């Protein structure tokens, strides 16, 4: 008889996989029980708990040439995992649950050019986010962010001692109690969009770390990026309701 136990151990028994593999699935954010995401692998759960694992989507190539590959990143895969799978150099990062355009370099010379473009702020990045609340007027958030390291990863908060951070937010759609907004970032600080939107009272849906309500994923999508004469766009996920 199975006794009450840690979530990852019960999942391992249900799926006939190793404890390590079960813990990795929970940490990735794709395991549910009774309709709720399991957030803590070591959480105590009843022996009769039934788990559902959300199937991971595969990354797709949007464009490639001799210098660059633009990848359509699905949620729940890290940018590092995708770069490793394609055996290419990562040019920037997206959070694990963020979907959208991810750029990889095919040679060192091009990598240097992209690094210089980022430093000179000659890269245009536009995101879509679903936020709680009715966001009706355009807004520029010019608030420095200070990033600290915690046991659960990086955390950004507004602070006069932080690095400069600018986000331009434009409303796209109001759907019930939520809104879809476009965010153009002039800087690329850690968790910039998530922290900025929280700071003005419109947290990203699914982003519980920054005050957002629970959802299947953090509703943030890297929609468009332009640099060095290139311009790429990722299809809008259906859950963003813009299609």
Protein backbone atom coordinates (compact mmCIF):
# COMPACT_ATOMS: atom_id res chain seq x y z
CA UNK A 1 0.00 0.00 0.00
CA UNK A 2 1.37 3.40 -0.99
CA UNK A 3 1.73 5.77 1.96
CA UNK A 4 1.36 9.53 1.87
CA UNK A 5 4.65 10.88 0.58
CA UNK A 6 6.48 13.65 -1.24
CA UNK A 7 4.91 14.72 -4.52
CA UNK A 8 7.90 13.73 -6.65
CA UNK A 9 8.04 10.23 -5.13
CA UNK A 10 4.34 9.61 -5.76
CA UNK A 11 4.71 10.91 -9.31
CA UNK A 12 7.69 8.60 -9.86
CA UNK A 13 5.58 5.62 -8.77
CA UNK A 14 2.64 6.62 -10.99
CA UNK A 15 4.79 7.15 -14.08
CA UNK A 16 7.34 4.41 -13.35
CA UNK A 17 10.21 6.86 -13.64
CA UNK A 18 13.11 7.79 -11.37
CA UNK A 19 12.65 10.17 -8.44
CA UNK A 20 15.07 12.55 -10.15
CA UNK A 21 13.07 12.55 -13.39
CA UNK A 22 9.85 13.14 -11.44
CA UNK A 23 11.38 16.06 -9.55
CA UNK A 24 12.61 17.61 -12.81
CA UNK A 25 9.09 17.44 -14.27
CA UNK A 26 7.62 19.21 -11.24
CA UNK A 27 10.38 21.82 -11.22
CA UNK A 28 9.72 22.44 -14.93
CA UNK A 29 6.11 23.35 -14.10
CA UNK A 30 4.23 20.76 -16.15
CA UNK A 31 2.73 18.55 -13.41
CA UNK A 32 -0.84 18.97 -12.15
CA UNK A 33 -3.07 17.24 -9.61
CA UNK A 34 -6.78 17.97 -9.07
CA UNK A 35 -6.52 20.77 -11.63
CA UNK A 36 -3.74 22.61 -9.76
CA UNK A 37 -0.08 22.90 -10.72
CA UNK A 38 2.31 21.20 -8.31
CA UNK A 39 4.77 23.93 -7.37
CA UNK A 40 6.92 22.13 -4.79
CA UNK A 41 8.42 18.73 -5.59
CA UNK A 42 8.84 17.89 -1.89
CA UNK A 43 5.29 18.85 -0.92
CA UNK A 44 3.46 16.21 1.14
CA UNK A 45 0.57 14.68 -0.78
CA UNK A 46 -2.02 11.98 -0.24
CA UNK A 47 -1.23 8.51 -1.49
CA UNK A 48 -4.20 8.49 -3.86
CA UNK A 49 -3.15 11.68 -5.67
CA UNK A 50 -3.45 11.41 -9.44
CA UNK A 51 -1.02 13.42 -11.55
CA UNK A 52 -1.35 14.84 -15.04
CA UNK A 53 1.74 15.83 -17.00
CA UNK A 54 1.44 18.53 -19.64
CA UNK A 55 3.17 17.52 -22.85
CA UNK A 56 6.11 19.70 -23.82
CA UNK A 57 6.00 21.32 -27.25
CA UNK A 58 9.05 21.19 -29.48
CA UNK A 59 10.95 24.33 -30.53
CA UNK A 60 10.60 25.28 -34.20
CA UNK A 61 12.97 27.12 -36.52
CA UNK A 62 11.49 30.43 -37.71
CA UNK A 63 14.49 31.41 -39.83
CA UNK A 64 18.14 30.53 -40.32
CA UNK A 65 21.07 31.52 -42.50
CA UNK A 66 24.85 31.24 -42.17
CA UNK A 67 24.94 33.55 -39.13
CA UNK A 68 21.75 33.21 -37.12
CA UNK A 69 18.91 30.88 -36.20
CA UNK A 70 15.63 32.31 -34.91
CA UNK A 71 13.78 29.73 -32.81
CA UNK A 72 10.13 29.73 -31.76
CA UNK A 73 10.59 28.79 -28.10
CA UNK A 74 7.72 26.99 -26.36
CA UNK A 75 7.10 27.48 -22.63
CA UNK A 76 8.70 25.19 -20.03
CA UNK A 77 11.98 24.75 -21.90
CA UNK A 78 14.97 26.83 -20.83
CA UNK A 79 16.88 28.94 -23.34
CA UNK A 80 20.02 26.99 -22.42
CA UNK A 81 18.37 23.66 -23.22
CA UNK A 82 17.33 24.89 -26.64
CA UNK A 83 20.78 26.26 -27.46
CA UNK A 84 22.31 22.96 -26.42
CA UNK A 85 19.87 20.93 -28.51
CA UNK A 86 20.72 22.97 -31.63
CA UNK A 87 24.43 23.05 -30.69
CA UNK A 88 24.51 26.84 -31.21
CA UNK A 89 25.44 29.89 -29.12
CA UNK A 90 22.73 31.62 -27.12
CA UNK A 91 22.45 35.32 -27.99
CA UNK A 92 19.99 36.31 -25.24
CA UNK A 93 17.75 34.64 -22.67
CA UNK A 94 14.06 34.10 -22.05
CA UNK A 95 12.58 32.86 -18.78
CA UNK A 96 11.60 29.20 -18.74
CA UNK A 97 7.85 29.82 -18.99
CA UNK A 98 8.19 32.65 -21.53
CA UNK A 99 7.48 31.63 -25.13
CA UNK A 100 8.51 33.35 -28.35
CA UNK A 101 11.53 34.34 -30.44
CA UNK A 102 14.89 33.10 -29.20
CA UNK A 103 18.04 33.90 -31.19
CA UNK A 104 21.07 31.63 -31.60
CA UNK A 105 24.37 32.42 -33.29
CA UNK A 106 26.24 30.20 -35.73
CA UNK A 107 29.67 31.83 -35.51
CA UNK A 108 31.85 33.85 -33.15
CA UNK A 109 32.12 36.91 -35.40
CA UNK A 110 28.33 37.32 -35.55
CA UNK A 111 28.06 36.76 -31.80
CA UNK A 112 30.40 39.72 -31.22
CA UNK A 113 28.27 41.92 -33.50
CA UNK A 114 25.11 41.02 -31.57
CA UNK A 115 26.77 41.67 -28.20
CA UNK A 116 27.80 45.11 -29.46
CA UNK A 117 24.26 45.81 -30.70
CA UNK A 118 22.78 44.91 -27.31
CA UNK A 119 25.30 47.13 -25.51
CA UNK A 120 24.48 50.03 -27.85
CA UNK A 121 20.74 49.42 -27.31
CA UNK A 122 20.23 48.87 -31.03
CA UNK A 123 17.99 45.85 -30.51
CA UNK A 124 14.20 46.25 -30.56
CA UNK A 125 12.24 43.76 -28.45
CA UNK A 126 8.46 43.59 -28.17
CA UNK A 127 6.59 41.26 -25.86
CA UNK A 128 2.95 40.41 -25.24
CA UNK A 129 1.67 39.86 -21.71
CA UNK A 130 -1.68 38.96 -20.21
CA UNK A 131 -2.09 41.00 -17.02
CA UNK A 132 -4.65 41.17 -14.25
CA UNK A 133 -6.80 44.31 -14.39
CA UNK A 134 -8.12 46.61 -17.09
CA UNK A 135 -5.11 48.28 -18.71
CA UNK A 136 -6.56 51.07 -20.85
CA UNK A 137 -3.90 53.79 -21.34
CA UNK A 138 -0.33 53.62 -22.72
CA UNK A 139 2.35 53.93 -20.05
CA UNK A 140 6.12 54.27 -19.87
CA UNK A 141 7.66 52.66 -16.78
CA UNK A 142 11.07 54.20 -16.10
CA UNK A 143 12.01 52.56 -12.80
CA UNK A 144 15.48 51.23 -11.84
CA UNK A 145 15.51 47.56 -10.80
CA UNK A 146 17.71 45.88 -8.23
CA UNK A 147 18.15 42.13 -8.68
CA UNK A 148 18.87 39.82 -5.76
CA UNK A 149 19.57 36.09 -5.71
CA UNK A 150 17.23 33.94 -3.63
CA UNK A 151 16.78 30.20 -3.06
CA UNK A 152 14.03 30.27 -5.69
CA UNK A 153 16.16 32.19 -8.21
CA UNK A 154 16.57 35.85 -9.15
CA UNK A 155 14.13 38.49 -7.91
CA UNK A 156 13.93 42.05 -9.25
CA UNK A 157 12.49 44.95 -7.29
CA UNK A 158 12.24 48.71 -7.86
CA UNK A 159 15.11 50.54 -6.16
CA UNK A 160 16.98 53.81 -6.62
CA UNK A 161 20.12 51.68 -6.18
CA UNK A 162 19.19 49.42 -9.11
CA UNK A 163 20.07 49.51 -12.81
CA UNK A 164 18.13 51.72 -15.18
CA UNK A 165 15.15 49.95 -16.77
CA UNK A 166 12.57 51.32 -19.22
CA UNK A 167 9.43 49.53 -20.44
CA UNK A 168 6.83 51.05 -22.78
CA UNK A 169 3.44 49.39 -22.28
CA UNK A 170 0.57 49.65 -24.78
CA UNK A 171 -2.92 48.13 -24.33
CA UNK A 172 -4.00 45.64 -27.00
CA UNK A 173 -7.15 43.98 -25.65
CA UNK A 174 -9.35 43.96 -22.53
CA UNK A 175 -10.95 40.57 -21.90
CA UNK A 176 -13.06 40.44 -18.74
CA UNK A 177 -10.84 41.15 -15.75
CA UNK A 178 -7.63 40.70 -17.75
CA UNK A 179 -5.84 42.73 -20.41
CA UNK A 180 -3.39 41.88 -23.16
CA UNK A 181 -0.59 44.46 -23.41
CA UNK A 182 2.38 44.96 -25.69
CA UNK A 183 5.63 45.78 -23.92
CA UNK A 184 8.63 47.30 -25.68
CA UNK A 185 11.76 47.20 -23.58
CA UNK A 186 14.62 49.63 -24.05
CA UNK A 187 16.75 47.71 -21.55
CA UNK A 188 16.98 44.00 -20.82
CA UNK A 189 17.17 43.61 -17.06
CA UNK A 190 16.43 40.32 -15.32
CA UNK A 191 12.64 39.90 -14.94
CA UNK A 192 12.21 43.50 -16.11
CA UNK A 193 8.71 43.18 -17.59
CA UNK A 194 7.43 41.04 -14.73
CA UNK A 195 8.75 43.40 -12.03
CA UNK A 196 7.69 46.58 -13.86
CA UNK A 197 4.13 45.40 -14.48
CA UNK A 198 3.81 44.34 -10.84
CA UNK A 199 5.09 47.75 -9.72
CA UNK A 200 2.20 49.54 -11.47
CA UNK A 201 -0.48 47.13 -10.24
CA UNK A 202 -0.86 44.93 -13.33
CA UNK A 203 0.97 41.65 -12.54
CA UNK A 204 1.38 39.09 -15.31
CA UNK A 205 -1.18 36.29 -15.08
CA UNK A 206 0.48 33.08 -13.90
CA UNK A 207 3.46 34.95 -12.41
CA UNK A 208 2.89 34.13 -8.75
CA UNK A 209 6.46 35.17 -7.89
CA UNK A 210 5.50 38.74 -8.78
CA UNK A 211 1.96 38.80 -7.42
CA UNK A 212 0.12 37.32 -10.41
CA UNK A 213 -2.79 34.92 -9.98
CA UNK A 214 -2.27 31.23 -10.64
CA UNK A 215 -2.46 29.99 -14.22
CA UNK A 216 -1.10 27.20 -16.37
CA UNK A 217 1.96 29.28 -17.28
CA UNK A 218 3.39 32.77 -16.96
CA UNK A 219 1.55 34.62 -19.71
CA UNK A 220 4.51 36.35 -21.31
CA UNK A 221 5.47 35.98 -24.99
CA UNK A 222 8.53 37.32 -26.82
CA UNK A 223 6.60 38.49 -29.87
CA UNK A 224 9.08 40.41 -32.06
CA UNK A 225 12.78 41.19 -32.16
CA UNK A 226 14.82 43.25 -34.63
CA UNK A 227 18.60 43.68 -34.85
CA UNK A 228 21.38 44.10 -37.42
CA UNK A 229 18.91 44.30 -40.30
CA UNK A 230 16.98 41.20 -39.22
CA UNK A 231 13.38 41.17 -37.99
CA UNK A 232 11.65 38.12 -36.55
CA UNK A 233 8.15 37.48 -35.22
CA UNK A 234 6.70 34.52 -33.31
CA UNK A 235 3.04 33.53 -33.84
CA UNK A 236 0.84 34.68 -30.96
CA UNK A 237 -0.17 31.71 -28.76
CA UNK A 238 -3.96 31.07 -28.86
CA UNK A 239 -4.27 31.58 -25.09
CA UNK A 240 -3.40 35.27 -25.63
CA UNK A 241 -6.68 35.65 -27.59
CA UNK A 242 -5.34 38.05 -30.23
CA UNK A 243 -5.81 35.72 -33.20
